[in-house]
Amino acid sequence: MTAQVIPFAQRDIETDLLDLNKHLIGKPGDTFGLTFDGEPSPEIGLYPRDLLIVDRSLAPRIGDVVITLRAGDYIVKPYAGGKVWGVVTHVIHTLRAPELNFN
């Protein structure tokens, strides 16, 4: 399973109804977004195009979904010990696929 890192810009993405910074990003300087582009992994709740919110300041616990590095690739997997790049704290799953444009 692999992912591509997308750093969050430190800008306000707040609306009157929901402040995503407040709910999803605990420590802005240590929080990153990654798009999941691996094979579907329903056992850990991940599907292609999911946005993973990753906190690099957290110590991993057994059972957490974590990001590790292997040969320059970001690997997403359940934590079972060892060094990690960050801990996945949230997943934003897209339910509607983008429309195809054949023009």
Protein backbone atom coordinates (compact mmCIF):
# COMPACT_ATOMS: atom_id res chain seq x y z
CA MET A 1 0.00 0.00 0.00
CA THR A 2 1.39 3.40 -0.91
CA ALA A 3 0.40 7.04 -0.45
CA GLN A 4 1.44 10.46 -1.74
CA VAL A 5 2.16 13.28 0.77
CA ILE A 6 0.31 16.61 0.44
CA PRO A 7 1.27 19.13 3.19
CA PHE A 8 -1.66 21.14 4.52
CA ALA A 9 -1.39 24.85 3.90
CA GLN A 10 -1.71 26.81 7.11
CA ARG A 11 -4.82 28.60 6.00
CA ASP A 12 -8.31 28.69 7.34
CA ILE A 13 -10.63 26.07 5.81
CA GLU A 14 -13.41 26.93 8.20
CA THR A 15 -17.09 27.36 7.44
CA ASP A 16 -19.85 28.55 9.74
CA LEU A 17 -20.90 24.93 10.26
CA LEU A 18 -17.62 23.03 10.56
CA ASP A 19 -14.05 24.02 11.34
CA LEU A 20 -12.02 21.20 9.79
CA ASN A 21 -8.82 22.49 11.39
CA LYS A 22 -10.37 22.13 14.83
CA HIS A 23 -11.76 18.65 14.22
CA LEU A 24 -9.06 17.02 12.11
CA ILE A 25 -5.75 18.77 12.71
CA GLY A 26 -4.43 18.54 16.26
CA LYS A 27 -0.98 20.05 15.66
CA PRO A 28 -0.79 21.95 12.33
CA GLY A 29 3.00 21.87 12.16
CA ASP A 30 3.04 18.09 12.57
CA THR A 31 -0.06 17.22 10.52
CA PHE A 32 -0.01 16.22 6.87
CA GLY A 33 -2.49 14.98 4.31
CA LEU A 34 -1.79 11.98 2.13
CA THR A 35 -3.85 10.61 -0.70
CA PHE A 36 -4.12 6.85 -0.61
CA ASP A 37 -3.42 5.28 -3.99
CA GLY A 38 -2.98 1.62 -3.06
CA GLU A 39 -5.25 -1.36 -3.46
CA PRO A 40 -8.49 -1.23 -1.43
CA SER A 41 -7.86 -2.31 2.17
CA PRO A 42 -11.29 -2.70 3.76
CA GLU A 43 -9.75 -4.43 6.80
CA ILE A 44 -8.28 -1.05 7.81
CA GLY A 45 -10.93 1.09 6.11
CA LEU A 46 -8.85 2.47 3.22
CA TYR A 47 -9.80 2.85 -0.43
CA PRO A 48 -8.15 4.55 -3.44
CA ARG A 49 -8.42 8.37 -3.38
CA ASP A 50 -9.02 8.48 0.40
CA LEU A 51 -7.44 11.46 2.14
CA LEU A 52 -5.46 10.38 5.21
CA ILE A 53 -4.82 12.87 8.00
CA VAL A 54 -1.46 11.99 9.56
CA ASP A 55 0.00 13.34 12.82
CA ARG A 56 3.78 12.95 13.07
CA SER A 57 3.88 14.01 16.73
CA LEU A 58 1.96 11.00 18.04
CA ALA A 59 3.58 7.87 19.44
CA PRO A 60 2.05 4.85 17.69
CA ARG A 61 0.03 2.24 19.57
CA ILE A 62 -0.55 -1.35 18.55
CA GLY A 63 -3.52 -1.38 16.18
CA ASP A 64 -3.03 2.21 14.90
CA VAL A 65 -2.83 2.69 11.16
CA VAL A 66 0.58 4.21 10.49
CA ILE A 67 2.78 5.50 7.70
CA THR A 68 6.28 4.05 7.29
CA LEU A 69 8.97 4.74 4.72
CA ARG A 70 10.50 2.02 2.56
CA ALA A 71 12.87 2.82 -0.30
CA GLY A 72 11.42 6.36 -0.52
CA ASP A 73 7.80 5.17 -0.66
CA TYR A 74 5.19 5.96 1.97
CA ILE A 75 3.66 2.68 3.17
CA VAL A 76 0.30 2.53 4.98
CA LYS A 77 -0.20 -0.38 7.38
CA PRO A 78 -1.44 -1.38 10.83
CA TYR A 79 1.19 -0.74 13.50
CA ALA A 80 2.86 -3.81 14.90
CA GLY A 81 6.11 -2.25 16.12
CA GLY A 82 9.10 -0.47 14.62
CA LYS A 83 9.80 3.04 13.36
CA VAL A 84 6.98 5.06 11.79
CA TRP A 85 6.75 8.31 9.84
CA GLY A 86 3.35 9.23 11.33
CA VAL A 87 0.06 7.99 12.75
CA VAL A 88 -3.14 8.17 10.69
CA THR A 89 -5.73 9.95 12.83
CA HIS A 90 -8.56 10.41 10.32
CA VAL A 91 -9.64 9.21 6.89
CA ILE A 92 -11.81 11.23 4.54
CA HIS A 93 -13.43 8.78 2.18
CA THR A 94 -14.91 9.98 -1.10
CA LEU A 95 -18.22 8.28 -1.75
CA ARG A 96 -18.91 9.79 -5.14
CA ALA A 97 -16.49 9.14 -7.98
CA PRO A 98 -15.64 12.10 -10.20
CA GLU A 99 -17.68 12.39 -13.38
CA LEU A 100 -15.97 11.27 -16.54
CA ASN A 101 -15.68 13.80 -19.35
CA PHE A 102 -15.48 12.21 -22.79
CA ASN A 103 -15.26 15.49 -24.75
